[in-house]
Amino acid sequence: LAKEKTKVTIRDIRMGIRSMRKIDRDAGVKLFQRLEALSWVDPVNMRADAPSWNVNPAVHELFAAKANQERERRAEMRSVISEMLGE
């Protein structure tokens, strides 16, 4: 949400959610099928090696406040890290 992605892949889930780092392709597809059932995503490319889905723009509208909070949290963390490193 914070990155306002319009297209997502299983790799995005692996990279963006620590608890999903080891998710395999089949489990990732099942996850996205659930999101598809909720009309949050639509399949775009179901190639065996890299399936992808388009994010429903309504999802970004619905969770705009949450996305803003996350962007602010990340900016604060970057600031704290910069201060710690003396940058």
PDB file of N, CA and C in Angstrom:
ATOM      1  N   LEU A   1       0.817  -1.208   0.000  1.00  0.00           N
ATOM      2  CA  LEU A   1       0.000   0.000   0.000  1.00  0.00           C
ATOM      3  C   LEU A   1       0.857   1.267   0.000  1.00  0.00           C
ATOM      4  N   ALA A   2       1.895   1.277   0.812  1.00  0.00           N
ATOM      5  CA  ALA A   2       2.726   2.478   0.932  1.00  0.00           C
ATOM      6  C   ALA A   2       3.453   2.797  -0.361  1.00  0.00           C
ATOM      7  N   LYS A   3       3.733   1.783  -1.160  1.00  0.00           N
ATOM      8  CA  LYS A   3       4.443   1.999  -2.420  1.00  0.00           C
ATOM      9  C   LYS A   3       3.487   2.224  -3.589  1.00  0.00           C
ATOM     10  N   GLU A   4       2.201   2.152  -3.312  1.00  0.00           N
ATOM     11  CA  GLU A   4       1.152   2.393  -4.312  1.00  0.00           C
ATOM     12  C   GLU A   4       1.358   1.557  -5.571  1.00  0.00           C
ATOM     13  N   LYS A   5       1.713   0.301  -5.385  1.00  0.00           N
ATOM     14  CA  LYS A   5       1.911  -0.589  -6.524  1.00  0.00           C
ATOM     15  C   LYS A   5       0.584  -0.832  -7.241  1.00  0.00           C
ATOM     16  N   THR A   6       0.659  -0.910  -8.551  1.00  0.00           N
ATOM     17  CA  THR A   6      -0.524  -1.219  -9.352  1.00  0.00           C
ATOM     18  C   THR A   6      -0.476  -2.654  -9.850  1.00  0.00           C
ATOM     19  N   LYS A   7       0.694  -3.275  -9.744  1.00  0.00           N
ATOM     20  CA  LYS A   7       0.891  -4.657 -10.162  1.00  0.00           C
ATOM     21  C   LYS A   7       1.738  -5.347  -9.103  1.00  0.00           C
ATOM     22  N   VAL A   8       1.354  -6.560  -8.695  1.00  0.00           N
ATOM     23  CA  VAL A   8       2.087  -7.287  -7.659  1.00  0.00           C
ATOM     24  C   VAL A   8       2.387  -8.709  -8.099  1.00  0.00           C
ATOM     25  N   THR A   9       3.441  -9.259  -7.494  1.00  0.00           N
ATOM     26  CA  THR A   9       3.870 -10.622  -7.777  1.00  0.00           C
ATOM     27  C   THR A   9       4.118 -11.348  -6.461  1.00  0.00           C
ATOM     28  N   ILE A  10       4.337 -12.624  -6.559  1.00  0.00           N
ATOM     29  CA  ILE A  10       4.686 -13.401  -5.366  1.00  0.00           C
ATOM     30  C   ILE A  10       5.998 -12.883  -4.793  1.00  0.00           C
ATOM     31  N   ARG A  11       6.900 -12.482  -5.647  1.00  0.00           N
ATOM     32  CA  ARG A  11       8.183 -11.926  -5.185  1.00  0.00           C
ATOM     33  C   ARG A  11       7.958 -10.674  -4.322  1.00  0.00           C
ATOM     34  N   ASP A  12       7.002  -9.832  -4.703  1.00  0.00           N
ATOM     35  CA  ASP A  12       6.695  -8.646  -3.897  1.00  0.00           C
ATOM     36  C   ASP A  12       6.290  -9.046  -2.485  1.00  0.00           C
ATOM     37  N   ILE A  13       5.484 -10.109  -2.382  1.00  0.00           N
ATOM     38  CA  ILE A  13       5.049 -10.593  -1.072  1.00  0.00           C
ATOM     39  C   ILE A  13       6.250 -11.119  -0.289  1.00  0.00           C
ATOM     40  N   ARG A  14       7.102 -11.883  -0.957  1.00  0.00           N
ATOM     41  CA  ARG A  14       8.293 -12.423  -0.289  1.00  0.00           C
ATOM     42  C   ARG A  14       9.200 -11.313   0.236  1.00  0.00           C
ATOM     43  N   MET A  15       9.397 -10.285  -0.560  1.00  0.00           N
ATOM     44  CA  MET A  15      10.317  -9.214  -0.207  1.00  0.00           C
ATOM     45  C   MET A  15       9.708  -8.233   0.805  1.00  0.00           C
ATOM     46  N   GLY A  16       8.399  -8.089   0.784  1.00  0.00           N
ATOM     47  CA  GLY A  16       7.773  -7.060   1.595  1.00  0.00           C
ATOM     48  C   GLY A  16       7.230  -7.508   2.937  1.00  0.00           C
ATOM     49  N   ILE A  17       7.081  -8.829   3.130  1.00  0.00           N
ATOM     50  CA  ILE A  17       6.500  -9.332   4.377  1.00  0.00           C
ATOM     51  C   ILE A  17       7.420 -10.410   4.939  1.00  0.00           C
ATOM     52  N   ARG A  18       8.055 -10.085   6.034  1.00  0.00           N
ATOM     53  CA  ARG A  18       9.060 -10.982   6.615  1.00  0.00           C
ATOM     54  C   ARG A  18       8.525 -12.400   6.809  1.00  0.00           C
ATOM     55  N   SER A  19       7.314 -12.548   7.303  1.00  0.00           N
ATOM     56  CA  SER A  19       6.770 -13.884   7.575  1.00  0.00           C
ATOM     57  C   SER A  19       6.476 -14.674   6.297  1.00  0.00           C
ATOM     58  N   MET A  20       6.535 -14.016   5.145  1.00  0.00           N
ATOM     59  CA  MET A  20       6.254 -14.684   3.871  1.00  0.00           C
ATOM     60  C   MET A  20       7.525 -14.960   3.065  1.00  0.00           C
ATOM     61  N   ARG A  21       8.685 -14.755   3.641  1.00  0.00           N
ATOM     62  CA  ARG A  21       9.938 -14.897   2.899  1.00  0.00           C
ATOM     63  C   ARG A  21      10.105 -16.263   2.243  1.00  0.00           C
ATOM     64  N   LYS A  22       9.575 -17.319   2.862  1.00  0.00           N
ATOM     65  CA  LYS A  22       9.783 -18.669   2.339  1.00  0.00           C
ATOM     66  C   LYS A  22       8.558 -19.240   1.630  1.00  0.00           C
ATOM     67  N   ILE A  23       7.596 -18.390   1.326  1.00  0.00           N
ATOM     68  CA  ILE A  23       6.386 -18.866   0.656  1.00  0.00           C
ATOM     69  C   ILE A  23       6.747 -19.399  -0.735  1.00  0.00           C
ATOM     70  N   ASP A  24       6.178 -20.545  -1.093  1.00  0.00           N
ATOM     71  CA  ASP A  24       6.460 -21.096  -2.418  1.00  0.00           C
ATOM     72  C   ASP A  24       5.418 -20.603  -3.421  1.00  0.00           C
ATOM     73  N   ARG A  25       5.626 -20.923  -4.681  1.00  0.00           N
ATOM     74  CA  ARG A  25       4.759 -20.430  -5.745  1.00  0.00           C
ATOM     75  C   ARG A  25       3.306 -20.854  -5.524  1.00  0.00           C
ATOM     76  N   ASP A  26       3.079 -22.130  -5.201  1.00  0.00           N
ATOM     77  CA  ASP A  26       1.710 -22.621  -5.037  1.00  0.00           C
ATOM     78  C   ASP A  26       0.981 -21.901  -3.903  1.00  0.00           C
ATOM     79  N   ALA A  27       1.660 -21.717  -2.776  1.00  0.00           N
ATOM     80  CA  ALA A  27       1.049 -21.005  -1.652  1.00  0.00           C
ATOM     81  C   ALA A  27       0.807 -19.539  -2.018  1.00  0.00           C
ATOM     82  N   GLY A  28       1.732 -18.950  -2.773  1.00  0.00           N
ATOM     83  CA  GLY A  28       1.561 -17.564  -3.209  1.00  0.00           C
ATOM     84  C   GLY A  28       0.365 -17.414  -4.132  1.00  0.00           C
ATOM     85  N   VAL A  29       0.214 -18.343  -5.057  1.00  0.00           N
ATOM     86  CA  VAL A  29      -0.938 -18.296  -5.965  1.00  0.00           C
ATOM     87  C   VAL A  29      -2.235 -18.444  -5.173  1.00  0.00           C
ATOM     88  N   LYS A  30      -2.266 -19.336  -4.189  1.00  0.00           N
ATOM     89  CA  LYS A  30      -3.468 -19.503  -3.356  1.00  0.00           C
ATOM     90  C   LYS A  30      -3.798 -18.218  -2.606  1.00  0.00           C
ATOM     91  N   LEU A  31      -2.763 -17.553  -2.099  1.00  0.00           N
ATOM     92  CA  LEU A  31      -2.963 -16.284  -1.405  1.00  0.00           C
ATOM     93  C   LEU A  31      -3.607 -15.260  -2.339  1.00  0.00           C
ATOM     94  N   PHE A  32      -3.045 -15.139  -3.545  1.00  0.00           N
ATOM     95  CA  PHE A  32      -3.589 -14.175  -4.491  1.00  0.00           C
ATOM     96  C   PHE A  32      -4.980 -14.571  -4.982  1.00  0.00           C
ATOM     97  N   GLN A  33      -5.280 -15.860  -5.014  1.00  0.00           N
ATOM     98  CA  GLN A  33      -6.634 -16.291  -5.384  1.00  0.00           C
ATOM     99  C   GLN A  33      -7.643 -15.814  -4.347  1.00  0.00           C
ATOM    100  N   ARG A  34      -7.240 -15.816  -3.090  1.00  0.00           N
ATOM    101  CA  ARG A  34      -8.114 -15.283  -2.030  1.00  0.00           C
ATOM    102  C   ARG A  34      -8.335 -13.784  -2.220  1.00  0.00           C
ATOM    103  N   LEU A  35      -7.249 -13.069  -2.521  1.00  0.00           N
ATOM    104  CA  LEU A  35      -7.376 -11.628  -2.757  1.00  0.00           C
ATOM    105  C   LEU A  35      -8.224 -11.356  -4.004  1.00  0.00           C
ATOM    106  N   GLU A  36      -8.097 -12.222  -4.997  1.00  0.00           N
ATOM    107  CA  GLU A  36      -8.905 -12.104  -6.205  1.00  0.00           C
ATOM    108  C   GLU A  36     -10.386 -12.311  -5.881  1.00  0.00           C
ATOM    109  N   ALA A  37     -10.694 -13.263  -5.007  1.00  0.00           N
ATOM    110  CA  ALA A  37     -12.082 -13.516  -4.608  1.00  0.00           C
ATOM    111  C   ALA A  37     -12.689 -12.308  -3.907  1.00  0.00           C
ATOM    112  N   LEU A  38     -11.845 -11.508  -3.262  1.00  0.00           N
ATOM    113  CA  LEU A  38     -12.304 -10.289  -2.587  1.00  0.00           C
ATOM    114  C   LEU A  38     -12.303  -9.074  -3.518  1.00  0.00           C
ATOM    115  N   SER A  39     -11.941  -9.298  -4.792  1.00  0.00           N
ATOM    116  CA  SER A  39     -11.841  -8.238  -5.809  1.00  0.00           C
ATOM    117  C   SER A  39     -10.742  -7.233  -5.508  1.00  0.00           C
ATOM    118  N   TRP A  40      -9.712  -7.649  -4.786  1.00  0.00           N
ATOM    119  CA  TRP A  40      -8.590  -6.767  -4.491  1.00  0.00           C
ATOM    120  C   TRP A  40      -7.565  -6.791  -5.604  1.00  0.00           C
ATOM    121  N   VAL A  41      -7.447  -7.938  -6.312  1.00  0.00           N
ATOM    122  CA  VAL A  41      -6.504  -8.070  -7.415  1.00  0.00           C
ATOM    123  C   VAL A  41      -7.166  -8.823  -8.568  1.00  0.00           C
ATOM    124  N   ASP A  42      -6.598  -8.650  -9.758  1.00  0.00           N
ATOM    125  CA  ASP A  42      -7.030  -9.369 -10.957  1.00  0.00           C
ATOM    126  C   ASP A  42      -5.793  -9.979 -11.604  1.00  0.00           C
ATOM    127  N   PRO A  43      -5.873 -11.254 -12.010  1.00  0.00           N
ATOM    128  CA  PRO A  43      -4.703 -11.866 -12.651  1.00  0.00           C
ATOM    129  C   PRO A  43      -4.381 -11.185 -13.972  1.00  0.00           C
ATOM    130  N   VAL A  44      -3.088 -11.005 -14.227  1.00  0.00           N
ATOM    131  CA  VAL A  44      -2.634 -10.373 -15.462  1.00  0.00           C
ATOM    132  C   VAL A  44      -1.843 -11.369 -16.284  1.00  0.00           C
ATOM    133  N   ASN A  45      -0.864 -11.944 -15.642  1.00  0.00           N
ATOM    134  CA  ASN A  45       0.058 -12.833 -16.324  1.00  0.00           C
ATOM    135  C   ASN A  45       0.242 -14.049 -15.430  1.00  0.00           C
ATOM    136  N   MET A  46      -0.208 -15.184 -15.883  1.00  0.00           N
ATOM    137  CA  MET A  46      -0.115 -16.373 -15.048  1.00  0.00           C
ATOM    138  C   MET A  46       0.977 -17.328 -15.542  1.00  0.00           C
ATOM    139  N   ARG A  47       2.030 -16.767 -16.152  1.00  0.00           N
ATOM    140  CA  ARG A  47       3.173 -17.594 -16.554  1.00  0.00           C
ATOM    141  C   ARG A  47       3.644 -18.406 -15.359  1.00  0.00           C
ATOM    142  N   ALA A  48       4.070 -19.596 -15.627  1.00  0.00           N
ATOM    143  CA  ALA A  48       4.491 -20.501 -14.556  1.00  0.00           C
ATOM    144  C   ALA A  48       5.609 -19.927 -13.697  1.00  0.00           C
ATOM    145  N   ASP A  49       6.534 -19.189 -14.314  1.00  0.00           N
ATOM    146  CA  ASP A  49       7.685 -18.700 -13.561  1.00  0.00           C
ATOM    147  C   ASP A  49       7.450 -17.389 -12.825  1.00  0.00           C
ATOM    148  N   ALA A  50       6.513 -16.569 -13.274  1.00  0.00           N
ATOM    149  CA  ALA A  50       6.323 -15.262 -12.632  1.00  0.00           C
ATOM    150  C   ALA A  50       4.901 -14.736 -12.795  1.00  0.00           C
ATOM    151  N   PRO A  51       3.931 -15.348 -12.119  1.00  0.00           N
ATOM    152  CA  PRO A  51       2.568 -14.828 -12.226  1.00  0.00           C
ATOM    153  C   PRO A  51       2.464 -13.434 -11.607  1.00  0.00           C
ATOM    154  N   SER A  52       1.530 -12.626 -12.129  1.00  0.00           N
ATOM    155  CA  SER A  52       1.350 -11.274 -11.589  1.00  0.00           C
ATOM    156  C   SER A  52      -0.130 -10.906 -11.599  1.00  0.00           C
ATOM    157  N   TRP A  53      -0.455  -9.921 -10.773  1.00  0.00           N
ATOM    158  CA  TRP A  53      -1.831  -9.478 -10.613  1.00  0.00           C
ATOM    159  C   TRP A  53      -1.865  -7.950 -10.592  1.00  0.00           C
ATOM    160  N   ASN A  54      -2.921  -7.374 -11.148  1.00  0.00           N
ATOM    161  CA  ASN A  54      -3.160  -5.940 -11.043  1.00  0.00           C
ATOM    162  C   ASN A  54      -3.924  -5.667  -9.761  1.00  0.00           C
ATOM    163  N   VAL A  55      -3.539  -4.610  -9.069  1.00  0.00           N
ATOM    164  CA  VAL A  55      -4.228  -4.209  -7.845  1.00  0.00           C
ATOM    165  C   VAL A  55      -5.426  -3.346  -8.217  1.00  0.00           C
ATOM    166  N   ASN A  56      -6.563  -3.656  -7.652  1.00  0.00           N
ATOM    167  CA  ASN A  56      -7.769  -2.869  -7.856  1.00  0.00           C
ATOM    168  C   ASN A  56      -7.522  -1.469  -7.268  1.00  0.00           C
ATOM    169  N   PRO A  57      -7.677  -0.400  -8.057  1.00  0.00           N
ATOM    170  CA  PRO A  57      -7.432   0.961  -7.547  1.00  0.00           C
ATOM    171  C   PRO A  57      -8.265   1.293  -6.311  1.00  0.00           C
ATOM    172  N   ALA A  58      -9.409   0.670  -6.163  1.00  0.00           N
ATOM    173  CA  ALA A  58     -10.254   0.919  -4.993  1.00  0.00           C
ATOM    174  C   ALA A  58      -9.554   0.508  -3.698  1.00  0.00           C
ATOM    175  N   VAL A  59      -8.657  -0.458  -3.771  1.00  0.00           N
ATOM    176  CA  VAL A  59      -7.910  -0.888  -2.589  1.00  0.00           C
ATOM    177  C   VAL A  59      -7.059   0.268  -2.071  1.00  0.00           C
ATOM    178  N   HIS A  60      -6.406   0.990  -2.991  1.00  0.00           N
ATOM    179  CA  HIS A  60      -5.577   2.127  -2.580  1.00  0.00           C
ATOM    180  C   HIS A  60      -6.443   3.246  -2.002  1.00  0.00           C
ATOM    181  N   GLU A  61      -7.617   3.436  -2.543  1.00  0.00           N
ATOM    182  CA  GLU A  61      -8.519   4.457  -1.999  1.00  0.00           C
ATOM    183  C   GLU A  61      -9.002   4.059  -0.608  1.00  0.00           C
ATOM    184  N   LEU A  62      -9.381   2.801  -0.465  1.00  0.00           N
ATOM    185  CA  LEU A  62      -9.909   2.310   0.804  1.00  0.00           C
ATOM    186  C   LEU A  62      -8.884   2.393   1.929  1.00  0.00           C
ATOM    187  N   PHE A  63      -7.622   2.116   1.597  1.00  0.00           N
ATOM    188  CA  PHE A  63      -6.577   2.082   2.607  1.00  0.00           C
ATOM    189  C   PHE A  63      -5.605   3.257   2.501  1.00  0.00           C
ATOM    190  N   ALA A  64      -6.045   4.379   1.969  1.00  0.00           N
ATOM    191  CA  ALA A  64      -5.179   5.550   1.796  1.00  0.00           C
ATOM    192  C   ALA A  64      -4.594   6.033   3.117  1.00  0.00           C
ATOM    193  N   ALA A  65      -5.396   6.082   4.160  1.00  0.00           N
ATOM    194  CA  ALA A  65      -4.910   6.550   5.459  1.00  0.00           C
ATOM    195  C   ALA A  65      -3.835   5.612   6.002  1.00  0.00           C
ATOM    196  N   LYS A  66      -4.047   4.321   5.880  1.00  0.00           N
ATOM    197  CA  LYS A  66      -3.066   3.333   6.345  1.00  0.00           C
ATOM    198  C   LYS A  66      -1.766   3.460   5.557  1.00  0.00           C
ATOM    199  N   ALA A  67      -1.874   3.675   4.255  1.00  0.00           N
ATOM    200  CA  ALA A  67      -0.685   3.845   3.415  1.00  0.00           C
ATOM    201  C   ALA A  67       0.100   5.083   3.837  1.00  0.00           C
ATOM    202  N   ASN A  68      -0.601   6.168   4.124  1.00  0.00           N
ATOM    203  CA  ASN A  68       0.068   7.394   4.578  1.00  0.00           C
ATOM    204  C   ASN A  68       0.777   7.179   5.914  1.00  0.00           C
ATOM    205  N   GLN A  69       0.126   6.473   6.827  1.00  0.00           N
ATOM    206  CA  GLN A  69       0.746   6.169   8.118  1.00  0.00           C
ATOM    207  C   GLN A  69       2.031   5.368   7.923  1.00  0.00           C
ATOM    208  N   GLU A  70       1.987   4.400   7.026  1.00  0.00           N
ATOM    209  CA  GLU A  70       3.165   3.565   6.784  1.00  0.00           C
ATOM    210  C   GLU A  70       4.293   4.371   6.147  1.00  0.00           C
ATOM    211  N   ARG A  71       3.964   5.253   5.213  1.00  0.00           N
ATOM    212  CA  ARG A  71       4.995   6.108   4.600  1.00  0.00           C
ATOM    213  C   ARG A  71       5.642   7.000   5.659  1.00  0.00           C
ATOM    214  N   GLU A  72       4.824   7.560   6.557  1.00  0.00           N
ATOM    215  CA  GLU A  72       5.357   8.404   7.627  1.00  0.00           C
ATOM    216  C   GLU A  72       6.237   7.594   8.581  1.00  0.00           C
ATOM    217  N   ARG A  73       5.817   6.377   8.909  1.00  0.00           N
ATOM    218  CA  ARG A  73       6.600   5.518   9.793  1.00  0.00           C
ATOM    219  C   ARG A  73       7.954   5.200   9.162  1.00  0.00           C
ATOM    220  N   ARG A  74       7.947   4.888   7.871  1.00  0.00           N
ATOM    221  CA  ARG A  74       9.198   4.575   7.179  1.00  0.00           C
ATOM    222  C   ARG A  74      10.121   5.787   7.124  1.00  0.00           C
ATOM    223  N   ALA A  75       9.555   6.964   6.878  1.00  0.00           N
ATOM    224  CA  ALA A  75      10.363   8.186   6.840  1.00  0.00           C
ATOM    225  C   ALA A  75      10.990   8.445   8.206  1.00  0.00           C
ATOM    226  N   GLU A  76      10.226   8.230   9.268  1.00  0.00           N
ATOM    227  CA  GLU A  76      10.748   8.412  10.624  1.00  0.00           C
ATOM    228  C   GLU A  76      11.887   7.429  10.897  1.00  0.00           C
ATOM    229  N   MET A  77      11.733   6.190  10.490  1.00  0.00           N
ATOM    230  CA  MET A  77      12.777   5.184  10.693  1.00  0.00           C
ATOM    231  C   MET A  77      14.045   5.541   9.916  1.00  0.00           C
ATOM    232  N   ARG A  78      13.875   6.034   8.682  1.00  0.00           N
ATOM    233  CA  ARG A  78      15.044   6.473   7.907  1.00  0.00           C
ATOM    234  C   ARG A  78      15.753   7.614   8.614  1.00  0.00           C
ATOM    235  N   SER A  79      14.976   8.532   9.183  1.00  0.00           N
ATOM    236  CA  SER A  79      15.549   9.668   9.901  1.00  0.00           C
ATOM    237  C   SER A  79      16.317   9.199  11.138  1.00  0.00           C
ATOM    238  N   VAL A  80      15.744   8.288  11.894  1.00  0.00           N
ATOM    239  CA  VAL A  80      16.398   7.760  13.102  1.00  0.00           C
ATOM    240  C   VAL A  80      17.699   7.048  12.725  1.00  0.00           C
ATOM    241  N   ILE A  81      17.658   6.254  11.679  1.00  0.00           N
ATOM    242  CA  ILE A  81      18.862   5.535  11.236  1.00  0.00           C
ATOM    243  C   ILE A  81      19.938   6.520  10.775  1.00  0.00           C
ATOM    244  N   SER A  82      19.525   7.545  10.042  1.00  0.00           N
ATOM    245  CA  SER A  82      20.492   8.568   9.592  1.00  0.00           C
ATOM    246  C   SER A  82      21.150   9.256  10.776  1.00  0.00           C
ATOM    247  N   GLU A  83      20.358   9.590  11.800  1.00  0.00           N
ATOM    248  CA  GLU A  83      20.910  10.229  12.999  1.00  0.00           C
ATOM    249  C   GLU A  83      21.897   9.298  13.691  1.00  0.00           C
ATOM    250  N   MET A  84      21.543   8.020  13.775  1.00  0.00           N
ATOM    251  CA  MET A  84      22.422   7.047  14.434  1.00  0.00           C
ATOM    252  C   MET A  84      23.748   6.895  13.687  1.00  0.00           C
ATOM    253  N   LEU A  85      23.697   7.022  12.381  1.00  0.00           N
ATOM    254  CA  LEU A  85      24.899   6.874  11.558  1.00  0.00           C
ATOM    255  C   LEU A  85      25.651   8.193  11.407  1.00  0.00           C
ATOM    256  N   GLY A  86      25.071   9.269  11.938  1.00  0.00           N
ATOM    257  CA  GLY A  86      25.710  10.573  11.856  1.00  0.00           C
ATOM    258  C   GLY A  86      25.677  11.188  10.486  1.00  0.00           C
ATOM    259  N   GLU A  87      24.696  10.863   9.724  1.00  0.00           N
ATOM    260  CA  GLU A  87      24.586  11.413   8.357  1.00  0.00           C
ATOM    261  C   GLU A  87      23.805  12.691   8.333  1.00  0.00           C
TER     262      GLU A  87
END
